[in-house]
N, C-alpha and C. Protein backbone atom coordinates (compact mmCIF):
# COMPACT_ATOMS: atom_id res chain seq x y z
N UNK A 1 111.48 125.56 134.15
CA UNK A 1 112.41 126.45 134.90
C UNK A 1 113.50 125.54 135.41
N UNK A 2 114.75 125.83 135.21
CA UNK A 2 115.78 125.02 135.67
C UNK A 2 116.08 125.23 137.23
N UNK A 3 116.91 124.21 137.67
CA UNK A 3 117.22 124.53 139.13
C UNK A 3 118.17 125.76 139.38
N UNK A 4 119.05 126.04 138.47
CA UNK A 4 119.79 127.30 138.62
C UNK A 4 118.76 128.55 138.68
N UNK A 5 117.98 128.48 137.76
CA UNK A 5 117.09 129.88 137.65
C UNK A 5 116.19 129.75 138.94
N UNK A 6 115.64 128.63 139.34
CA UNK A 6 114.84 128.65 140.58
C UNK A 6 115.70 129.03 141.85
N UNK A 7 116.85 128.64 141.88
CA UNK A 7 117.66 129.21 142.95
C UNK A 7 117.96 130.73 142.95
N UNK A 8 118.25 131.08 141.84
CA UNK A 8 118.35 132.55 141.56
C UNK A 8 117.07 133.32 141.87
N UNK A 9 115.91 132.92 141.55
CA UNK A 9 114.81 133.65 142.02
C UNK A 9 114.73 133.67 143.52
N UNK A 10 114.79 132.50 144.22
CA UNK A 10 114.62 132.33 145.50
C UNK A 10 115.74 133.26 146.40
N UNK A 11 117.05 133.29 145.84
CA UNK A 11 117.95 134.12 146.28
C UNK A 11 117.63 135.53 146.33
N UNK A 12 117.14 136.03 145.09
CA UNK A 12 116.64 137.44 145.06
C UNK A 12 115.59 137.67 146.02
N UNK A 13 114.58 136.79 146.08
CA UNK A 13 113.37 136.97 146.93
C UNK A 13 113.94 137.25 148.42
N UNK A 14 114.85 136.32 148.71
CA UNK A 14 115.39 136.31 150.22
C UNK A 14 116.03 137.62 150.39
N UNK A 15 116.82 138.13 149.42
CA UNK A 15 117.65 139.25 149.58
C UNK A 15 116.64 140.47 149.71
N UNK A 16 115.65 140.41 148.90
CA UNK A 16 114.62 141.56 149.08
C UNK A 16 114.01 141.57 150.41
N UNK A 17 113.59 140.38 150.84
CA UNK A 17 113.01 140.24 152.15
C UNK A 17 113.89 140.72 153.30
N UNK A 18 115.10 140.29 153.06
CA UNK A 18 116.13 140.73 154.17
C UNK A 18 116.51 142.29 154.04
N UNK A 19 116.35 143.03 152.95
CA UNK A 19 116.56 144.25 152.85
C UNK A 19 115.35 144.91 153.50
N UNK A 20 114.14 144.48 153.30
CA UNK A 20 112.90 144.93 153.81
C UNK A 20 112.91 144.72 155.38
N UNK A 21 113.50 143.56 155.95
CA UNK A 21 113.41 143.42 157.20
C UNK A 21 114.35 144.42 158.14
N UNK A 22 115.62 144.69 157.27
CA UNK A 22 116.65 145.78 157.80
C UNK A 22 116.15 147.08 157.94
N UNK A 23 115.40 147.48 156.87
CA UNK A 23 114.72 148.78 156.72
C UNK A 23 113.75 148.97 157.98
N UNK A 24 112.98 147.95 158.11
CA UNK A 24 111.92 147.85 159.18
C UNK A 24 112.59 147.99 160.50
N UNK A 25 113.56 147.27 160.80
CA UNK A 25 114.28 147.26 162.01
C UNK A 25 114.90 148.67 162.42
N UNK A 26 115.57 149.25 161.10
CA UNK A 26 116.35 150.43 161.27
C UNK A 26 115.22 151.63 161.58
N UNK A 27 114.04 151.47 160.87
CA UNK A 27 113.03 152.45 161.11
C UNK A 27 112.54 152.40 162.54
N UNK A 28 112.39 151.26 163.21
CA UNK A 28 111.89 151.06 164.56
C UNK A 28 112.90 151.49 165.41
N UNK A 29 114.07 151.47 165.26
CA UNK A 29 115.27 151.80 166.03
C UNK A 29 115.27 153.27 166.18
N UNK A 30 115.15 153.86 164.98
CA UNK A 30 114.95 155.43 164.93
C UNK A 30 113.86 155.98 165.55
N UNK A 31 112.66 155.21 165.46
CA UNK A 31 111.34 155.84 166.08
C UNK A 31 111.56 155.61 167.66
N UNK A 32 112.01 154.63 168.11
CA UNK A 32 112.31 154.13 169.48
C UNK A 32 113.30 155.33 170.24
N UNK A 33 114.40 155.58 169.30
CA UNK A 33 115.27 156.50 169.75
C UNK A 33 114.77 158.00 169.85
N UNK A 34 113.76 158.22 168.86
CA UNK A 34 113.20 159.63 169.13
C UNK A 34 112.20 159.76 170.41
N UNK A 35 111.60 158.70 170.55
CA UNK A 35 110.72 158.61 171.82
C UNK A 35 111.52 158.76 173.06
N UNK A 36 112.70 157.95 172.99
CA UNK A 36 113.71 158.17 174.29
C UNK A 36 114.21 159.60 174.26
N UNK A 37 114.53 160.12 173.37
CA UNK A 37 114.99 161.65 173.34
C UNK A 37 113.83 162.47 173.95
N UNK A 38 112.67 162.32 173.41
CA UNK A 38 111.55 163.16 173.75
C UNK A 38 111.35 162.92 175.29
N UNK A 39 111.20 161.74 175.81
CA UNK A 39 111.09 161.61 177.29
C UNK A 39 112.16 162.05 177.97
N UNK A 40 113.26 161.89 177.69
CA UNK A 40 114.53 162.55 178.30
C UNK A 40 114.58 163.92 178.27
N UNK A 41 113.93 164.64 177.56
CA UNK A 41 113.80 166.05 177.23
C UNK A 41 112.67 166.66 178.33
N UNK A 42 111.56 165.78 178.49
CA UNK A 42 110.52 166.15 179.25
C UNK A 42 110.90 165.92 180.84
N UNK A 43 111.71 164.80 181.20
CA UNK A 43 111.98 164.38 182.53
C UNK A 43 112.86 165.35 183.10
N UNK A 44 112.53 165.89 184.18
CA UNK A 44 113.54 166.96 184.76
C UNK A 44 113.73 166.30 186.36
N UNK A 45 115.04 166.14 186.52
CA UNK A 45 115.41 165.51 187.68
C UNK A 45 115.83 166.72 188.63
N UNK A 46 115.18 166.85 190.02
CA UNK A 46 115.69 167.88 190.78
C UNK A 46 117.36 167.89 191.18
N UNK A 47 117.89 169.10 190.87
CA UNK A 47 119.42 169.13 190.89
C UNK A 47 119.69 170.65 191.35
N UNK A 48 120.79 170.92 191.86
CA UNK A 48 121.21 172.19 192.00
C UNK A 48 122.39 172.81 191.10
N UNK A 49 122.50 173.87 190.60
CA UNK A 49 121.67 174.91 190.85
C UNK A 49 120.33 175.00 189.88
N UNK A 50 120.26 174.08 188.94
CA UNK A 50 118.99 173.94 188.09
C UNK A 50 118.61 172.67 187.98
N UNK A 51 117.36 172.42 187.59
CA UNK A 51 116.81 170.90 187.27
C UNK A 51 117.75 170.23 186.17
N UNK A 52 117.89 169.09 186.23
CA UNK A 52 118.54 168.31 185.20
C UNK A 52 117.71 167.38 184.45
N UNK A 53 117.87 167.72 182.99
CA UNK A 53 117.32 166.75 182.06
C UNK A 53 118.37 165.59 181.71
N UNK A 54 117.90 164.58 181.13
CA UNK A 54 118.87 163.52 180.76
C UNK A 54 119.14 163.49 179.34
N UNK A 55 118.70 164.54 178.73
CA UNK A 55 118.76 164.41 177.15
C UNK A 55 120.24 164.37 176.66
N UNK A 56 121.22 165.14 177.19
CA UNK A 56 122.41 165.08 176.62
C UNK A 56 122.94 163.58 176.67
N UNK A 57 122.66 163.05 177.94
CA UNK A 57 123.08 161.67 178.35
C UNK A 57 122.50 160.72 177.22
N UNK A 58 121.27 160.83 176.93
CA UNK A 58 120.65 159.88 176.09
C UNK A 58 120.99 160.09 174.71
N UNK A 59 121.43 161.22 174.14
CA UNK A 59 122.08 161.46 172.84
C UNK A 59 123.23 160.54 172.76
N UNK A 60 124.09 160.74 173.67
CA UNK A 60 125.48 160.08 173.65
C UNK A 60 125.26 158.32 173.77
N UNK A 61 124.29 158.05 174.79
CA UNK A 61 124.06 156.77 174.84
C UNK A 61 123.48 156.06 173.51
N UNK A 62 122.65 156.69 172.93
CA UNK A 62 122.13 156.11 171.60
C UNK A 62 123.18 156.00 170.68
N UNK A 63 123.95 156.95 170.40
CA UNK A 63 125.04 156.95 169.35
C UNK A 63 125.99 156.03 169.82
N UNK A 64 126.42 155.74 170.92
CA UNK A 64 127.47 154.86 171.34
C UNK A 64 127.06 153.45 171.13
N UNK A 65 125.68 153.19 171.46
CA UNK A 65 125.20 151.91 171.25
C UNK A 65 124.82 151.57 169.86
N UNK A 66 124.39 152.53 169.09
CA UNK A 66 123.78 152.46 167.67
C UNK A 66 124.79 152.55 166.71
N UNK A 67 125.75 153.37 166.89
CA UNK A 67 126.82 153.69 165.94
C UNK A 67 126.47 155.02 165.30
N UNK A 68 127.56 155.45 164.38
CA UNK A 68 127.45 156.70 163.76
C UNK A 68 126.25 156.87 162.94
N UNK A 69 126.01 156.11 162.02
CA UNK A 69 124.83 156.20 161.04
C UNK A 69 123.50 156.28 161.74
N UNK A 70 123.22 155.33 162.71
CA UNK A 70 121.99 155.18 163.26
C UNK A 70 121.96 156.33 164.25
N UNK A 71 122.98 156.57 165.06
CA UNK A 71 122.94 157.61 166.05
C UNK A 71 122.40 159.13 165.45
N UNK A 72 123.18 159.26 164.44
CA UNK A 72 122.92 160.76 163.77
C UNK A 72 121.52 160.60 163.24
N UNK A 73 121.07 159.46 162.54
CA UNK A 73 119.78 159.40 162.01
C UNK A 73 118.77 159.53 163.04
N UNK A 74 118.89 159.14 164.26
CA UNK A 74 118.02 159.29 165.38
C UNK A 74 117.86 160.65 165.74
N UNK A 75 118.93 161.25 165.88
CA UNK A 75 119.00 162.70 166.21
C UNK A 75 118.30 163.65 165.14
N UNK A 76 118.54 163.39 163.97
CA UNK A 76 118.08 164.20 162.90
C UNK A 76 116.55 163.94 162.76
N UNK A 77 116.12 162.70 162.87
CA UNK A 77 114.74 162.49 163.03
C UNK A 77 114.07 163.15 163.97
N UNK A 78 114.62 163.33 165.22
CA UNK A 78 114.04 163.92 166.19
C UNK A 78 113.92 165.32 166.10
N UNK A 79 114.97 166.01 165.48
CA UNK A 79 114.83 167.42 165.11
C UNK A 79 113.94 167.74 164.05
N UNK A 80 113.80 166.71 163.11
CA UNK A 80 112.67 166.94 162.01
C UNK A 80 111.31 167.01 162.74
N UNK A 81 111.16 165.99 163.58
CA UNK A 81 109.86 165.90 164.40
C UNK A 81 109.59 167.27 165.06
N UNK A 82 110.54 167.77 165.66
CA UNK A 82 110.31 169.10 166.29
C UNK A 82 110.22 170.38 165.34
N UNK A 83 110.85 170.27 164.22
CA UNK A 83 110.72 171.21 163.18
C UNK A 83 109.16 171.11 162.66
N UNK A 84 108.53 169.88 162.69
CA UNK A 84 107.29 169.79 162.12
C UNK A 84 106.08 170.31 163.00
N UNK A 85 106.76 170.52 164.31
CA UNK A 85 105.69 171.01 165.26
C UNK A 85 105.34 170.19 166.37
N UNK A 86 105.91 169.01 166.35
CA UNK A 86 105.60 167.91 167.47
C UNK A 86 106.20 168.51 168.68
N UNK A 87 105.66 168.49 169.87
CA UNK A 87 106.09 168.96 170.96
C UNK A 87 107.16 168.13 171.81
N UNK A 88 108.27 167.77 171.02
CA UNK A 88 109.31 167.03 171.46
C UNK A 88 110.44 167.42 172.34
N UNK A 89 110.55 168.73 172.26
CA UNK A 89 111.69 169.52 172.98
C UNK A 89 111.32 169.74 174.44
N UNK A 90 112.32 170.11 175.26
CA UNK A 90 112.20 170.54 176.63
C UNK A 90 111.35 171.86 176.53
N UNK A 91 110.32 171.96 177.39
CA UNK A 91 109.58 173.24 177.54
C UNK A 91 108.62 173.57 176.33
N UNK A 92 108.46 172.38 175.57
CA UNK A 92 107.41 172.64 174.41
C UNK A 92 106.08 171.95 174.76
N UNK A 93 105.01 172.35 174.53
CA UNK A 93 104.74 173.75 173.70
C UNK A 93 104.65 174.98 174.50
N UNK A 94 105.02 174.94 175.90
CA UNK A 94 104.88 176.33 176.72
C UNK A 94 105.71 177.35 176.04
N UNK A 95 106.73 176.98 175.60
CA UNK A 95 107.84 178.04 175.00
C UNK A 95 107.77 178.12 173.46
N UNK A 96 106.60 177.60 172.99
CA UNK A 96 106.60 177.52 171.45
C UNK A 96 107.04 176.21 171.00
N UNK A 97 106.78 175.96 169.61
CA UNK A 97 107.14 174.74 168.89
C UNK A 97 107.54 175.09 167.54
N UNK A 98 108.02 174.05 166.84
CA UNK A 98 108.43 174.16 165.48
C UNK A 98 109.65 174.98 165.39
N UNK A 99 109.93 175.44 164.11
CA UNK A 99 111.18 176.13 163.73
C UNK A 99 111.35 177.47 164.76
N UNK A 100 110.30 178.11 165.14
CA UNK A 100 110.42 179.29 166.00
C UNK A 100 111.13 178.83 167.24
N UNK A 101 110.78 177.71 167.67
CA UNK A 101 111.61 177.15 169.01
C UNK A 101 113.00 176.87 168.72
N UNK A 102 113.06 176.10 167.69
CA UNK A 102 114.42 175.76 167.21
C UNK A 102 115.39 176.91 166.99
N UNK A 103 114.98 178.15 166.52
CA UNK A 103 115.73 179.16 166.13
C UNK A 103 115.93 179.98 167.56
N UNK A 104 115.25 179.61 168.60
CA UNK A 104 115.39 180.38 169.90
C UNK A 104 116.76 180.13 170.48
N UNK A 105 116.84 180.52 171.92
CA UNK A 105 118.04 180.25 172.57
C UNK A 105 118.69 179.12 172.64
N UNK A 106 117.90 177.99 172.51
CA UNK A 106 118.44 176.58 172.67
C UNK A 106 118.80 175.98 171.20
N UNK A 107 118.57 176.84 170.22
CA UNK A 107 119.06 176.30 168.90
C UNK A 107 120.42 175.66 168.76
N UNK A 108 121.50 176.29 169.31
CA UNK A 108 122.74 175.76 169.18
C UNK A 108 122.98 174.46 169.97
N UNK A 109 122.26 174.31 170.93
CA UNK A 109 122.26 173.17 171.66
C UNK A 109 121.76 171.94 171.04
N UNK A 110 120.65 172.23 170.24
CA UNK A 110 119.90 171.22 169.39
C UNK A 110 120.85 170.85 168.31
N UNK A 111 121.65 171.77 167.69
CA UNK A 111 122.68 171.41 166.63
C UNK A 111 123.66 170.76 167.08
N UNK A 112 124.06 170.94 168.39
CA UNK A 112 125.29 170.31 169.14
C UNK A 112 124.81 168.77 169.28
N UNK A 113 123.59 168.29 169.43
CA UNK A 113 123.04 166.97 169.48
C UNK A 113 123.58 166.12 168.36
N UNK A 114 123.62 166.79 167.05
CA UNK A 114 124.01 166.00 165.97
C UNK A 114 125.36 165.90 165.92
N UNK A 115 126.25 166.98 166.31
CA UNK A 115 127.60 166.86 166.35
C UNK A 115 128.04 165.89 167.24
N UNK A 116 127.50 166.04 168.48
CA UNK A 116 127.98 164.97 169.50
C UNK A 116 127.49 163.51 169.14
N UNK A 117 126.43 163.35 168.58
CA UNK A 117 126.11 161.95 168.17
C UNK A 117 127.05 161.48 167.11
N UNK A 118 127.45 162.33 166.17
CA UNK A 118 128.37 161.79 165.17
C UNK A 118 129.76 161.65 165.88
N UNK A 119 130.13 162.35 166.71
CA UNK A 119 131.49 162.19 167.53
C UNK A 119 131.37 160.88 168.17
N UNK A 120 130.37 160.61 169.08
CA UNK A 120 130.28 159.43 169.80
C UNK A 120 130.19 158.08 168.94
N UNK A 121 129.31 158.22 168.05
CA UNK A 121 129.12 157.22 167.03
C UNK A 121 130.24 156.72 166.20
N UNK A 122 131.14 157.70 165.94
CA UNK A 122 132.46 157.46 165.31
C UNK A 122 133.30 156.75 166.16
N UNK A 123 133.49 157.33 167.38
CA UNK A 123 134.33 156.72 168.46
C UNK A 123 133.84 155.21 168.64
N UNK A 124 132.55 154.88 168.63
CA UNK A 124 132.06 153.51 169.00
C UNK A 124 132.33 152.78 167.86
N UNK A 125 132.06 153.16 166.56
CA UNK A 125 132.41 152.28 165.27
C UNK A 125 133.70 152.12 165.20
N UNK A 126 134.56 152.84 165.68
CA UNK A 126 136.15 152.51 165.42
C UNK A 126 136.71 151.87 166.75
N UNK A 127 135.88 151.48 167.65
CA UNK A 127 136.36 150.79 168.74
C UNK A 127 137.12 151.40 169.79
N UNK A 128 136.90 152.80 169.66
CA UNK A 128 137.69 153.83 170.70
C UNK A 128 136.94 154.07 172.05
N UNK A 129 135.75 153.34 172.13
CA UNK A 129 135.04 153.69 173.51
C UNK A 129 134.81 152.39 174.15
N UNK A 130 135.93 151.54 174.33
CA UNK A 130 135.67 150.35 174.93
C UNK A 130 136.45 150.43 176.28
N UNK A 131 137.42 151.13 176.34
CA UNK A 131 138.07 151.16 177.84
C UNK A 131 137.54 152.40 178.66
N UNK A 132 137.79 152.40 179.87
CA UNK A 132 137.31 153.51 180.88
C UNK A 132 137.77 154.71 180.26
N UNK A 133 139.05 154.84 179.68
CA UNK A 133 139.64 156.11 179.33
C UNK A 133 138.77 156.57 177.96
N UNK A 134 138.45 155.58 177.02
CA UNK A 134 137.80 155.92 175.70
C UNK A 134 136.47 156.25 176.02
N UNK A 135 135.91 155.65 177.06
CA UNK A 135 134.36 156.00 177.34
C UNK A 135 134.33 157.45 177.94
N UNK A 136 135.18 157.81 178.78
CA UNK A 136 135.36 159.01 179.48
C UNK A 136 135.61 160.10 178.43
N UNK A 137 136.58 159.77 177.49
CA UNK A 137 136.74 160.76 176.38
C UNK A 137 135.55 161.15 175.42
N UNK A 138 134.89 160.03 175.28
CA UNK A 138 133.53 160.12 174.43
C UNK A 138 132.57 160.99 175.15
N UNK A 139 132.33 160.72 176.43
CA UNK A 139 131.19 161.39 177.11
C UNK A 139 131.86 162.96 177.25
N UNK A 140 132.96 163.21 177.61
CA UNK A 140 133.46 164.64 177.80
C UNK A 140 133.29 165.33 176.41
N UNK A 141 133.88 164.69 175.43
CA UNK A 141 133.94 165.30 174.01
C UNK A 141 132.69 165.63 173.66
N UNK A 142 131.70 164.51 173.95
CA UNK A 142 130.27 164.85 173.30
C UNK A 142 129.70 166.05 174.02
N UNK A 143 129.88 166.17 175.33
CA UNK A 143 129.33 167.29 175.99
C UNK A 143 129.77 168.62 175.74
N UNK A 144 131.19 168.63 175.37
CA UNK A 144 131.92 169.69 175.06
C UNK A 144 131.46 170.28 173.66
N UNK A 145 131.10 169.32 172.64
CA UNK A 145 130.48 169.67 171.52
C UNK A 145 129.27 170.37 171.69
N UNK A 146 128.39 169.72 172.40
CA UNK A 146 127.01 170.21 172.72
C UNK A 146 126.95 171.63 173.38
N UNK A 147 127.96 171.72 174.35
CA UNK A 147 127.85 172.99 175.03
C UNK A 147 128.66 174.08 174.27
N UNK A 148 129.68 173.62 173.40
CA UNK A 148 130.44 174.55 172.62
C UNK A 148 129.48 175.28 171.58
N UNK A 149 128.71 174.46 170.82
CA UNK A 149 127.79 174.86 169.92
C UNK A 149 126.53 175.80 170.39
N UNK A 150 126.24 175.18 171.64
CA UNK A 150 125.22 175.91 172.26
C UNK A 150 125.47 177.41 172.78
N UNK A 151 126.71 177.32 173.34
CA UNK A 151 127.14 178.60 173.79
C UNK A 151 127.42 179.67 172.73
N UNK A 152 128.17 179.12 171.78
CA UNK A 152 128.51 179.97 170.56
C UNK A 152 127.18 180.67 170.03
N UNK A 153 126.11 179.87 169.81
CA UNK A 153 124.86 180.42 169.16
C UNK A 153 124.23 181.26 170.32
N UNK A 154 124.09 180.94 171.54
CA UNK A 154 123.45 181.63 172.44
C UNK A 154 124.20 182.94 172.73
N UNK A 155 125.49 182.97 172.68
CA UNK A 155 126.47 184.13 172.84
C UNK A 155 126.27 185.17 171.79
N UNK A 156 125.88 184.47 170.56
CA UNK A 156 125.56 185.47 169.35
C UNK A 156 124.14 186.29 169.54
N UNK A 157 123.55 185.79 170.36
CA UNK A 157 121.99 186.37 170.60
C UNK A 157 122.00 187.22 171.91
N UNK A 158 122.56 186.75 172.94
CA UNK A 158 122.52 187.54 174.19
C UNK A 158 123.77 188.24 174.68
N UNK A 159 124.93 187.82 173.84
CA UNK A 159 126.21 188.04 174.49
C UNK A 159 126.98 187.01 175.14
N UNK A 160 128.30 186.99 174.95
CA UNK A 160 128.92 185.55 175.40
C UNK A 160 129.15 185.68 176.96
N UNK A 161 129.16 186.72 177.66
CA UNK A 161 129.37 186.80 179.04
C UNK A 161 128.15 186.23 179.58
N UNK A 162 126.97 186.81 179.19
CA UNK A 162 125.73 186.28 180.02
C UNK A 162 125.44 184.89 179.30
N UNK A 163 125.71 184.44 178.10
CA UNK A 163 125.61 183.28 177.64
C UNK A 163 126.46 182.15 178.57
N UNK A 164 127.78 182.53 178.98
CA UNK A 164 128.43 181.62 179.78
C UNK A 164 127.79 181.53 181.11
N UNK A 165 127.25 182.60 181.67
CA UNK A 165 126.83 182.64 182.94
C UNK A 165 125.36 181.90 183.19
N UNK A 166 124.55 181.92 182.11
CA UNK A 166 123.17 181.34 182.15
C UNK A 166 123.10 180.02 181.36
N UNK A 167 124.15 179.83 180.39
CA UNK A 167 123.88 178.76 179.50
C UNK A 167 125.00 177.63 179.55
N UNK A 168 125.93 177.91 180.48
CA UNK A 168 126.77 176.88 180.68
C UNK A 168 127.08 176.54 182.18
N UNK A 169 127.43 177.57 182.97
CA UNK A 169 128.02 177.52 184.23
C UNK A 169 126.88 176.70 185.23
N UNK A 170 125.67 177.02 185.11
CA UNK A 170 124.57 176.24 186.01
C UNK A 170 124.48 174.85 185.54
N UNK A 171 124.96 174.39 184.44
CA UNK A 171 124.60 173.02 183.95
C UNK A 171 125.98 172.13 184.17
N UNK A 172 127.04 172.78 184.67
CA UNK A 172 128.20 171.90 184.69
C UNK A 172 128.10 171.02 185.84
N UNK A 173 127.60 171.17 187.14
CA UNK A 173 127.51 170.12 188.13
C UNK A 173 126.71 168.85 187.55
N UNK A 174 125.43 169.14 186.92
CA UNK A 174 124.70 168.04 186.45
C UNK A 174 125.44 167.32 185.37
N UNK A 175 126.16 168.01 184.52
CA UNK A 175 126.94 167.52 183.43
C UNK A 175 127.96 166.45 183.90
N UNK A 176 128.61 166.78 185.04
CA UNK A 176 129.55 165.90 185.64
C UNK A 176 128.95 164.63 186.05
N UNK A 177 127.66 164.79 186.64
CA UNK A 177 126.88 163.57 186.95
C UNK A 177 126.69 162.65 185.94
N UNK A 178 126.13 163.36 184.76
CA UNK A 178 125.75 162.51 183.61
C UNK A 178 126.91 161.96 182.85
N UNK A 179 128.02 162.51 182.99
CA UNK A 179 129.26 161.91 182.29
C UNK A 179 129.75 160.71 183.14
N UNK A 180 129.71 160.77 184.40
CA UNK A 180 130.03 159.61 185.28
C UNK A 180 129.10 158.48 185.10
N UNK A 181 127.76 158.90 184.98
CA UNK A 181 126.68 157.96 184.86
C UNK A 181 126.84 157.28 183.45
N UNK A 182 127.09 157.95 182.41
CA UNK A 182 127.13 157.48 180.96
C UNK A 182 128.26 156.49 180.94
N UNK A 183 129.52 156.82 181.53
CA UNK A 183 130.66 155.93 181.47
C UNK A 183 130.26 154.63 182.26
N UNK A 184 129.62 154.72 183.16
CA UNK A 184 129.28 153.61 184.08
C UNK A 184 128.23 152.55 183.16
N UNK A 185 127.25 153.30 182.69
CA UNK A 185 126.25 152.67 181.88
C UNK A 185 126.92 151.87 180.68
N UNK A 186 127.73 152.56 180.02
CA UNK A 186 128.37 152.06 178.74
C UNK A 186 129.31 150.95 179.18
N UNK A 187 130.00 151.05 180.17
CA UNK A 187 130.83 150.16 180.62
C UNK A 187 130.12 148.80 180.89
N UNK A 188 128.93 148.99 181.46
CA UNK A 188 128.14 147.76 181.75
C UNK A 188 127.61 147.16 180.43
N UNK A 189 127.20 148.09 179.52
CA UNK A 189 126.90 147.63 178.08
C UNK A 189 127.90 146.76 177.33
N UNK A 190 129.03 147.45 177.45
CA UNK A 190 130.29 146.86 176.83
C UNK A 190 130.51 145.32 177.45
N UNK A 191 130.50 145.28 178.76
CA UNK A 191 130.61 143.85 179.25
C UNK A 191 129.71 142.91 178.81
N UNK A 192 128.31 143.63 178.93
CA UNK A 192 127.29 142.61 178.51
C UNK A 192 127.28 142.20 177.16
N UNK A 193 127.74 142.97 176.06
CA UNK A 193 127.79 142.67 174.64
C UNK A 193 129.15 142.14 174.37
N UNK A 194 129.99 142.07 175.45
CA UNK A 194 131.45 141.45 174.93
C UNK A 194 132.33 142.34 174.49
N UNK A 195 132.13 143.67 174.70
CA UNK A 195 133.20 144.77 174.34
C UNK A 195 133.62 145.25 175.48
N UNK A 196 134.49 144.60 176.16
CA UNK A 196 135.04 144.82 177.56
C UNK A 196 135.72 146.30 177.74
N UNK A 197 135.41 146.93 178.82
CA UNK A 197 135.91 148.07 179.12
C UNK A 197 136.85 147.78 180.08
N UNK A 198 138.11 148.00 179.69
CA UNK A 198 139.33 147.63 180.75
C UNK A 198 139.81 148.93 181.44
């Protein structure tokens, strides 16, 4: 075997090992992300007028730090876990599990997670979430997408006036807190990783 052919074999082997390592790392990130989403759904922080979960914040933080592809992959994997019957959503299994839960009143908000992750991940990938203004736009825009799809779906089920009253208004104060917290956390992440927030 010639030196050239030996180098070719070694290069292919290293390339395959590298691809395997990347796939393993990506799978680990997705799994960890779904665990964080599950924990954030179960954790309820006392707040007024309703308790606050941290799930919408975690959706956006994951997408902002992992990017579009991984951020969406994490959320889709999380939804697939829920569809398979794992009790990963808020109030599961008490209020049902699997597809029956996903088709319930919160179905639109779950779909909004995907849209928000795509929005935040895209902004991060394009470098639009490095300044305070960009971070604020990302956090506000992501929450608008989640609430917008959630409100639209809930309104089609119970009527839009009631959907606004029970599905949006009670969550606005806690959402404002999560937006501010998200901007602060991501600004710190940007400084730590060298992506300055000006």
